[in-house]
Amino acid sequence: MIDQALVLLFAKPASSTGEDVVEFHCHGGKAVVDAVLAALAWIDGLRLAEPGEFTRRAFAHGRIDLTEAEGLADLLEAETEAQRKAALALADGSLKRQIAQWQERVLALSAIAERAIDYADDGDDRLDPALQRDLAVLLEELESWLARPRLEPLKDGIRIVAAGPPNAGKSSLINALSGIDRAIVSPLPGTTRDYLDIPMAISGTFVLLTDTAGLRVAGDTVEAEGVERAEALIAGADIVLWLGPADEAPEHKRRILLHPKADLDPAPVGSGALPISSTTGAGLDELLDRIAALCGKFLPGEDAIALNRRQAGLIGEAAVALRGAASAADLVIIAEELRVVRRAFDRITGRSGVEDLLDALFARFCLGK
């Protein structure tokens, strides 16, 4: 006797992997699990699953497509509510169903073009206005998907950079917002010489708060390097928190002007800067609300599908080919461009051309799963 357990058989092809699967539902003590594994080890040919192996078998047997596998991988790594929702939207097959609908429409358009080529042999090579209209409609739809917020800001974090002159209170603000004393605070100018990233969640969204060196003419080469890095981070930031004179604020489409140390020095009238104090906490709640509102511009809507870089790139390839087809006057060119579109869709779902992706994708999974 090892344990009193529940043993379930899932018969193919309706199991999660498409194969015959047996599950042992045991009590979770380490001794029980070790005893079960030791007993199973007597079976010739039995081995532990590799990372992601069950999901890979499900993909190989057509139970899921590549977009669903990517969603599952993201779901396993999700740390915020926004990440969970975006991953679940992929994992439940929403994108797969959308791609299937597009594929069906492209096949119908391809059939029209191929049939027209056959009729062109009889001297009738006129383009069907309905074909051109449908090509334009589908192209507009793909372009609207490409304009949606992407998945990467959700996964990698929205970078929020605190910037300003030395001793403006950047490090104190970072510590106050994150709730931990990570950034060194000192009255000496040039204390912060490199940037510091602090990951955290704001209103359920993963962000990277970044403390940077004070912007000034540097006193030595080390500080000069820090200032140069700060300027590069400001340029690449998603959101900039500017703690300095409003007229010196860098040009950035998503910036929040702040008046720090408002408990010691009231904000000038008409500056447009939000008064804050890292010491008393004044203005910090309003600042978090403003940050959350700006973060929303990077995020997909509720239950919306967010494309990752690979998926967006392939839909972009399909859109380029569709644009070529919509502007072409030759039926042969239209038919060839539509074949390019079909290949791009097949690569999104994993039907073809993705062998090099599979090892990297399934290595992200935990053991077995």
Protein backbone atom coordinates (compact mmCIF):
# COMPACT_ATOMS: atom_id res chain seq x y z
CA MET A 1 0.00 0.00 0.00
CA ILE A 2 1.33 3.40 -1.03
CA ASP A 3 -1.74 5.62 -0.75
CA GLN A 4 -5.49 5.69 -1.25
CA ALA A 5 -5.79 7.58 -4.53
CA LEU A 6 -8.08 8.33 -7.44
CA VAL A 7 -6.91 6.95 -10.81
CA LEU A 8 -8.47 8.43 -13.94
CA LEU A 9 -8.22 7.26 -17.53
CA PHE A 10 -8.64 9.81 -20.34
CA ALA A 11 -9.03 7.96 -23.63
CA LYS A 12 -7.69 9.33 -26.90
CA PRO A 13 -8.47 11.39 -28.90
CA ALA A 14 -10.49 13.43 -26.38
CA SER A 15 -7.72 13.77 -23.78
CA SER A 16 -5.76 16.96 -23.30
CA THR A 17 -2.85 15.61 -25.37
CA GLY A 18 -4.86 13.55 -27.88
CA GLU A 19 -3.28 10.36 -26.49
CA ASP A 20 -4.36 7.85 -23.84
CA VAL A 21 -3.59 9.52 -20.50
CA VAL A 22 -3.73 8.13 -16.95
CA GLU A 23 -3.72 10.47 -13.95
CA PHE A 24 -2.95 9.50 -10.34
CA HIS A 25 -4.64 11.88 -7.88
CA CYS A 26 -2.62 11.19 -4.71
CA HIS A 27 -2.20 12.96 -1.43
CA GLY A 28 0.51 15.57 -1.87
CA GLY A 29 3.06 14.63 0.75
CA LYS A 30 6.61 14.31 -0.56
CA ALA A 31 6.90 10.74 0.75
CA VAL A 32 3.73 9.70 -1.12
CA VAL A 33 4.90 11.29 -4.38
CA ASP A 34 8.38 9.73 -4.07
CA ALA A 35 6.87 6.29 -3.40
CA VAL A 36 4.56 6.52 -6.42
CA LEU A 37 7.43 7.61 -8.68
CA ALA A 38 9.62 4.80 -7.32
CA ALA A 39 6.89 2.24 -8.08
CA LEU A 40 6.34 3.60 -11.59
CA ALA A 41 10.09 3.51 -12.24
CA TRP A 42 9.86 -0.30 -12.50
CA ILE A 43 7.96 0.08 -15.80
CA ASP A 44 10.32 -0.28 -18.76
CA GLY A 45 10.54 2.82 -20.93
CA LEU A 46 8.83 5.11 -18.42
CA ARG A 47 10.49 8.51 -17.84
CA LEU A 48 9.71 11.93 -16.44
CA ALA A 49 8.21 14.40 -18.89
CA GLU A 50 10.35 17.19 -20.27
CA PRO A 51 9.34 20.82 -19.62
CA GLY A 52 6.22 21.59 -21.63
CA GLU A 53 6.01 18.06 -23.03
CA PHE A 54 2.28 17.51 -22.47
CA THR A 55 1.43 20.84 -24.09
CA ARG A 56 3.78 20.04 -26.97
CA ARG A 57 2.07 16.67 -27.45
CA ALA A 58 -1.29 18.47 -27.45
CA PHE A 59 0.05 20.78 -30.16
CA ALA A 60 1.50 17.87 -32.18
CA HIS A 61 -1.85 16.04 -32.07
CA GLY A 62 -3.87 19.10 -33.09
CA ARG A 63 -5.58 19.61 -29.72
CA ILE A 64 -4.30 23.19 -29.57
CA ASP A 65 -2.58 25.51 -32.00
CA LEU A 66 0.54 27.62 -31.50
CA THR A 67 -1.36 30.71 -30.33
CA GLU A 68 -3.05 28.69 -27.56
CA ALA A 69 0.31 27.22 -26.51
CA GLU A 70 1.77 30.73 -26.31
CA GLY A 71 -1.21 31.78 -24.20
CA LEU A 72 -0.65 28.87 -21.81
CA ALA A 73 3.03 29.77 -21.48
CA ASP A 74 2.08 33.36 -20.67
CA LEU A 75 -0.55 32.16 -18.19
CA LEU A 76 2.05 30.13 -16.30
CA GLU A 77 4.22 33.25 -16.00
CA ALA A 78 1.43 35.77 -15.27
CA GLU A 79 2.04 37.85 -12.15
CA THR A 80 -0.60 40.58 -12.50
CA GLU A 81 -4.31 40.54 -13.22
CA ALA A 82 -3.79 42.26 -16.58
CA GLN A 83 -1.23 39.61 -17.60
CA ARG A 84 -3.60 36.82 -16.55
CA LYS A 85 -6.50 38.18 -18.59
CA ALA A 86 -4.37 38.73 -21.70
CA ALA A 87 -2.88 35.23 -21.45
CA LEU A 88 -6.30 33.66 -20.93
CA ALA A 89 -7.66 35.42 -24.02
CA LEU A 90 -4.97 33.64 -26.07
CA ALA A 91 -5.15 30.31 -24.25
CA ASP A 92 -8.89 29.90 -24.79
CA GLY A 93 -8.46 29.94 -28.57
CA SER A 94 -9.85 33.41 -29.34
CA LEU A 95 -7.04 34.29 -31.73
CA LYS A 96 -7.15 30.82 -33.29
CA ARG A 97 -10.82 31.31 -34.12
CA GLN A 98 -10.16 34.77 -35.56
CA ILE A 99 -7.33 33.44 -37.74
CA ALA A 100 -9.58 30.59 -38.92
CA GLN A 101 -12.20 33.13 -39.99
CA TRP A 102 -9.59 35.14 -41.90
CA GLN A 103 -8.25 31.98 -43.53
CA GLU A 104 -11.71 31.03 -44.70
CA ARG A 105 -12.21 34.44 -46.27
CA VAL A 106 -8.77 34.41 -47.91
CA LEU A 107 -9.44 30.93 -49.35
CA ALA A 108 -12.70 32.20 -50.83
CA LEU A 109 -10.89 35.19 -52.35
CA SER A 110 -8.16 32.92 -53.69
CA ALA A 111 -10.78 30.72 -55.32
CA ILE A 112 -12.32 33.76 -57.02
CA ALA A 113 -8.91 34.90 -58.29
CA GLU A 114 -7.90 31.42 -59.53
CA ARG A 115 -11.23 30.95 -61.27
CA ALA A 116 -10.88 34.37 -62.92
CA ILE A 117 -7.43 33.37 -64.19
CA ASP A 118 -9.03 30.37 -65.92
CA TYR A 119 -11.64 32.59 -67.55
CA ALA A 120 -8.89 35.02 -68.59
CA ASP A 121 -7.72 32.30 -70.99
CA ASP A 122 -10.96 32.93 -72.88
CA GLY A 123 -10.10 36.59 -73.30
CA ASP A 124 -11.97 37.95 -70.26
CA ASP A 125 -9.33 39.30 -67.87
CA ARG A 126 -11.42 41.96 -66.18
CA LEU A 127 -11.07 42.27 -62.40
CA ASP A 128 -14.15 41.58 -60.33
CA PRO A 129 -15.01 44.79 -58.38
CA ALA A 130 -16.35 42.62 -55.55
CA LEU A 131 -12.94 40.91 -55.25
CA GLN A 132 -11.13 44.21 -54.93
CA ARG A 133 -13.71 45.47 -52.42
CA ASP A 134 -13.39 42.35 -50.25
CA LEU A 135 -9.59 42.58 -50.35
CA ALA A 136 -9.76 46.19 -49.13
CA VAL A 137 -12.22 45.28 -46.33
CA LEU A 138 -10.00 42.45 -45.06
CA LEU A 139 -6.91 44.67 -45.26
CA GLU A 140 -8.64 47.34 -43.17
CA GLU A 141 -9.52 44.68 -40.58
CA LEU A 142 -5.93 43.45 -40.29
CA GLU A 143 -4.65 47.00 -39.96
CA SER A 144 -7.10 47.67 -37.12
CA TRP A 145 -5.70 44.62 -35.28
CA LEU A 146 -2.14 45.85 -35.80
CA ALA A 147 -3.12 49.19 -34.24
CA ARG A 148 -4.18 47.50 -30.99
CA PRO A 149 -2.03 47.64 -27.83
CA ARG A 150 0.56 44.83 -27.86
CA LEU A 151 1.33 42.11 -25.35
CA GLU A 152 4.95 43.09 -24.63
CA PRO A 153 4.19 46.08 -22.32
CA LEU A 154 2.04 43.74 -20.22
CA LYS A 155 4.80 41.11 -19.97
CA ASP A 156 7.94 43.24 -19.87
CA GLY A 157 6.45 46.11 -17.89
CA ILE A 158 5.65 49.71 -18.72
CA ARG A 159 8.81 51.74 -18.11
CA ILE A 160 8.21 54.83 -15.97
CA VAL A 161 11.30 57.01 -15.68
CA ALA A 162 11.79 59.60 -12.95
CA ALA A 163 13.99 62.37 -14.30
CA GLY A 164 15.16 65.83 -13.35
CA PRO A 165 18.14 67.77 -12.03
CA PRO A 166 20.24 66.55 -9.07
CA ASN A 167 18.58 66.62 -5.63
CA ALA A 168 15.13 67.04 -7.17
CA GLY A 169 13.76 64.16 -5.09
CA LYS A 170 13.71 61.41 -7.71
CA SER A 171 15.09 58.68 -5.46
CA SER A 172 12.78 59.68 -2.60
CA LEU A 173 9.81 59.52 -4.96
CA ILE A 174 10.81 56.08 -6.24
CA ASN A 175 11.09 54.81 -2.66
CA ALA A 176 7.75 56.35 -1.70
CA LEU A 177 5.88 54.90 -4.69
CA SER A 178 7.38 51.43 -4.37
CA GLY A 179 7.14 51.31 -0.58
CA ILE A 180 10.73 50.10 -0.20
CA ASP A 181 14.01 51.95 0.33
CA ARG A 182 15.88 50.73 -2.73
CA ALA A 183 17.22 54.01 -4.08
CA ILE A 184 19.96 55.77 -2.10
CA VAL A 185 18.84 59.20 -0.87
CA SER A 186 21.46 61.86 -0.08
CA PRO A 187 21.66 65.66 -0.14
CA LEU A 188 24.91 65.39 -2.11
CA PRO A 189 24.49 66.12 -5.84
CA GLY A 190 25.40 63.23 -8.13
CA THR A 191 24.57 60.48 -5.62
CA THR A 192 22.64 58.50 -8.25
CA ARG A 193 25.14 57.69 -10.99
CA ASP A 194 23.39 54.80 -12.69
CA TYR A 195 19.76 53.89 -13.21
CA LEU A 196 17.82 51.60 -10.88
CA ASP A 197 14.77 49.56 -11.92
CA ILE A 198 12.12 48.64 -9.36
CA PRO A 199 9.36 46.31 -10.62
CA MET A 200 5.90 46.78 -9.11
CA ALA A 201 2.20 46.71 -9.98
CA ILE A 202 0.08 49.85 -10.29
CA SER A 203 -3.66 49.19 -10.55
CA GLY A 204 -2.91 45.61 -11.60
CA THR A 205 -0.43 46.63 -14.31
CA PHE A 206 3.22 45.56 -14.20
CA VAL A 207 5.54 48.58 -14.38
CA LEU A 208 9.25 49.29 -14.03
CA LEU A 209 9.93 52.38 -11.96
CA THR A 210 13.32 53.73 -12.98
CA ASP A 211 15.47 56.10 -10.96
CA THR A 212 18.03 58.01 -13.02
CA ALA A 213 21.06 60.22 -12.52
CA GLY A 214 20.41 63.95 -12.15
CA LEU A 215 20.68 65.86 -15.42
CA ARG A 216 23.50 68.39 -15.25
CA VAL A 217 26.98 69.02 -16.58
CA ALA A 218 28.82 66.07 -15.03
CA GLY A 219 31.78 66.51 -12.73
CA ASP A 220 33.58 63.31 -13.78
CA THR A 221 33.47 60.58 -16.41
CA VAL A 222 31.46 58.17 -14.24
CA GLU A 223 28.72 60.74 -13.62
CA ALA A 224 28.82 61.72 -17.30
CA GLU A 225 28.07 58.11 -18.22
CA GLY A 226 25.14 58.13 -15.77
CA VAL A 227 23.74 61.32 -17.29
CA GLU A 228 24.06 59.88 -20.78
CA ARG A 229 22.20 56.73 -19.72
CA ALA A 230 19.50 58.86 -18.07
CA GLU A 231 18.95 60.78 -21.29
CA ALA A 232 18.66 57.52 -23.26
CA LEU A 233 16.16 56.13 -20.74
CA ILE A 234 14.05 59.29 -20.96
CA ALA A 235 13.97 59.00 -24.75
CA GLY A 236 12.88 55.34 -24.58
CA ALA A 237 10.48 55.67 -21.64
CA ASP A 238 6.80 54.91 -21.89
CA ILE A 239 6.03 57.53 -19.22
CA VAL A 240 8.30 60.26 -17.85
CA LEU A 241 7.90 61.76 -14.37
CA TRP A 242 9.65 65.14 -14.57
CA LEU A 243 10.85 66.59 -11.25
CA GLY A 244 12.30 69.88 -12.39
CA PRO A 245 11.41 73.27 -13.84
CA ALA A 246 8.51 72.90 -16.27
CA ASP A 247 10.30 74.91 -18.96
CA GLU A 248 13.21 72.43 -18.87
CA ALA A 249 11.04 69.32 -19.24
CA PRO A 250 12.05 66.99 -22.10
CA GLU A 251 9.71 66.62 -25.04
CA HIS A 252 7.73 63.44 -24.47
CA LYS A 253 4.18 62.55 -25.49
CA ARG A 254 3.44 60.92 -22.12
CA ARG A 255 4.96 62.95 -19.34
CA ILE A 256 3.74 64.10 -15.95
CA LEU A 257 5.13 67.38 -14.61
CA LEU A 258 5.75 67.24 -10.87
CA HIS A 259 6.63 69.82 -8.23
CA PRO A 260 8.52 67.79 -5.60
CA LYS A 261 9.09 68.70 -1.95
CA ALA A 262 5.82 70.63 -1.94
CA ASP A 263 5.78 70.46 1.86
CA LEU A 264 8.86 72.71 1.89
CA ASP A 265 8.26 74.81 -1.22
CA PRO A 266 4.72 75.42 -2.63
CA ALA A 267 4.34 75.01 -6.39
CA PRO A 268 4.47 78.23 -8.44
CA VAL A 269 1.08 79.42 -9.61
CA GLY A 270 0.32 78.39 -13.17
CA SER A 271 3.20 75.93 -13.48
CA GLY A 272 0.83 73.08 -14.31
CA ALA A 273 2.94 70.72 -12.19
CA LEU A 274 1.38 68.36 -9.65
CA PRO A 275 2.59 69.22 -6.12
CA ILE A 276 3.89 66.13 -4.32
CA SER A 277 5.79 65.31 -1.16
CA SER A 278 7.60 62.03 -0.66
CA THR A 279 7.86 62.88 3.05
CA THR A 280 4.18 63.56 3.82
CA GLY A 281 2.68 61.55 0.94
CA ALA A 282 0.80 64.57 -0.38
CA GLY A 283 -0.15 64.21 -4.05
CA LEU A 284 1.08 60.62 -4.38
CA ASP A 285 -2.41 59.11 -4.70
CA GLU A 286 -3.27 61.55 -7.49
CA LEU A 287 0.06 60.77 -9.15
CA LEU A 288 -0.70 57.03 -9.06
CA ASP A 289 -4.12 57.73 -10.61
CA ARG A 290 -2.49 59.72 -13.43
CA ILE A 291 0.06 56.98 -14.01
CA ALA A 292 -2.69 54.33 -14.12
CA ALA A 293 -4.63 56.40 -16.68
CA LEU A 294 -1.56 56.69 -18.93
CA CYS A 295 -0.76 52.98 -18.51
CA GLY A 296 -4.23 52.21 -19.81
CA LYS A 297 -3.20 53.55 -23.21
CA PHE A 298 -0.68 50.69 -23.51
CA LEU A 299 -3.09 47.95 -22.45
CA PRO A 300 -5.68 45.93 -24.38
CA GLY A 301 -9.32 46.41 -23.49
CA GLU A 302 -11.19 44.08 -21.17
CA ASP A 303 -11.09 40.54 -22.62
CA ALA A 304 -9.47 41.87 -25.82
CA ILE A 305 -6.79 39.83 -27.58
CA ALA A 306 -3.30 41.34 -27.36
CA LEU A 307 -0.89 40.20 -30.07
CA ASN A 308 2.69 39.34 -29.22
CA ARG A 309 5.58 40.45 -31.39
CA ARG A 310 5.64 37.23 -33.45
CA GLN A 311 1.91 37.25 -34.14
CA ALA A 312 1.86 40.96 -34.98
CA GLY A 313 4.82 40.54 -37.33
CA LEU A 314 3.07 37.78 -39.29
CA ILE A 315 -0.22 39.67 -39.45
CA GLY A 316 1.85 42.59 -40.70
CA GLU A 317 3.28 40.35 -43.45
CA ALA A 318 -0.26 39.31 -44.37
CA ALA A 319 -1.35 42.96 -44.46
CA VAL A 320 1.53 43.90 -46.79
CA ALA A 321 0.60 41.07 -49.15
CA LEU A 322 -3.08 42.03 -49.01
CA ARG A 323 -2.17 45.62 -49.81
CA GLY A 324 -0.26 44.38 -52.84
CA ALA A 325 -3.21 42.27 -53.93
CA ALA A 326 -5.69 45.13 -53.46
CA SER A 327 -3.61 47.46 -55.63
CA ALA A 328 -2.71 44.91 -58.32
CA ALA A 329 -4.32 44.88 -61.74
CA ASP A 330 -3.05 41.41 -62.66
CA LEU A 331 -4.99 38.35 -61.50
CA VAL A 332 -1.83 36.23 -61.29
CA ILE A 333 -0.23 38.74 -58.92
CA ILE A 334 -3.40 38.85 -56.79
CA ALA A 335 -3.46 35.05 -56.54
CA GLU A 336 0.22 34.93 -55.55
CA GLU A 337 -0.18 37.66 -52.91
CA LEU A 338 -3.11 35.72 -51.43
CA ARG A 339 -0.88 32.63 -51.18
CA VAL A 340 1.57 34.74 -49.15
CA VAL A 341 -1.31 35.75 -46.85
CA ARG A 342 -2.32 32.12 -46.33
CA ARG A 343 1.27 31.12 -45.48
CA ALA A 344 1.52 33.93 -42.92
CA PHE A 345 -1.70 32.78 -41.24
CA ASP A 346 -0.44 29.17 -41.20
CA ARG A 347 2.73 30.29 -39.43
CA ILE A 348 0.70 32.16 -36.78
CA THR A 349 -1.23 29.02 -35.84
CA GLY A 350 1.77 26.70 -36.25
CA ARG A 351 0.64 24.81 -39.33
CA SER A 352 3.97 25.47 -41.03
CA GLY A 353 7.35 27.15 -40.70
CA VAL A 354 7.59 27.22 -36.89
CA GLU A 355 9.89 24.29 -36.06
CA ASP A 356 12.62 26.62 -34.81
CA LEU A 357 10.18 28.22 -32.36
CA LEU A 358 8.92 25.09 -30.63
CA ASP A 359 11.94 24.21 -28.47
CA ALA A 360 12.23 27.77 -27.16
CA LEU A 361 8.50 28.05 -26.49
CA PHE A 362 7.97 24.79 -24.62
CA ALA A 363 11.17 25.24 -22.59
CA ARG A 364 9.30 28.09 -20.84
CA PHE A 365 6.84 25.58 -19.33
CA CYS A 366 7.24 23.91 -15.96
CA LEU A 367 8.22 20.24 -15.79
CA GLY A 368 5.62 18.15 -17.57
CA LYS A 369 2.93 20.74 -18.28
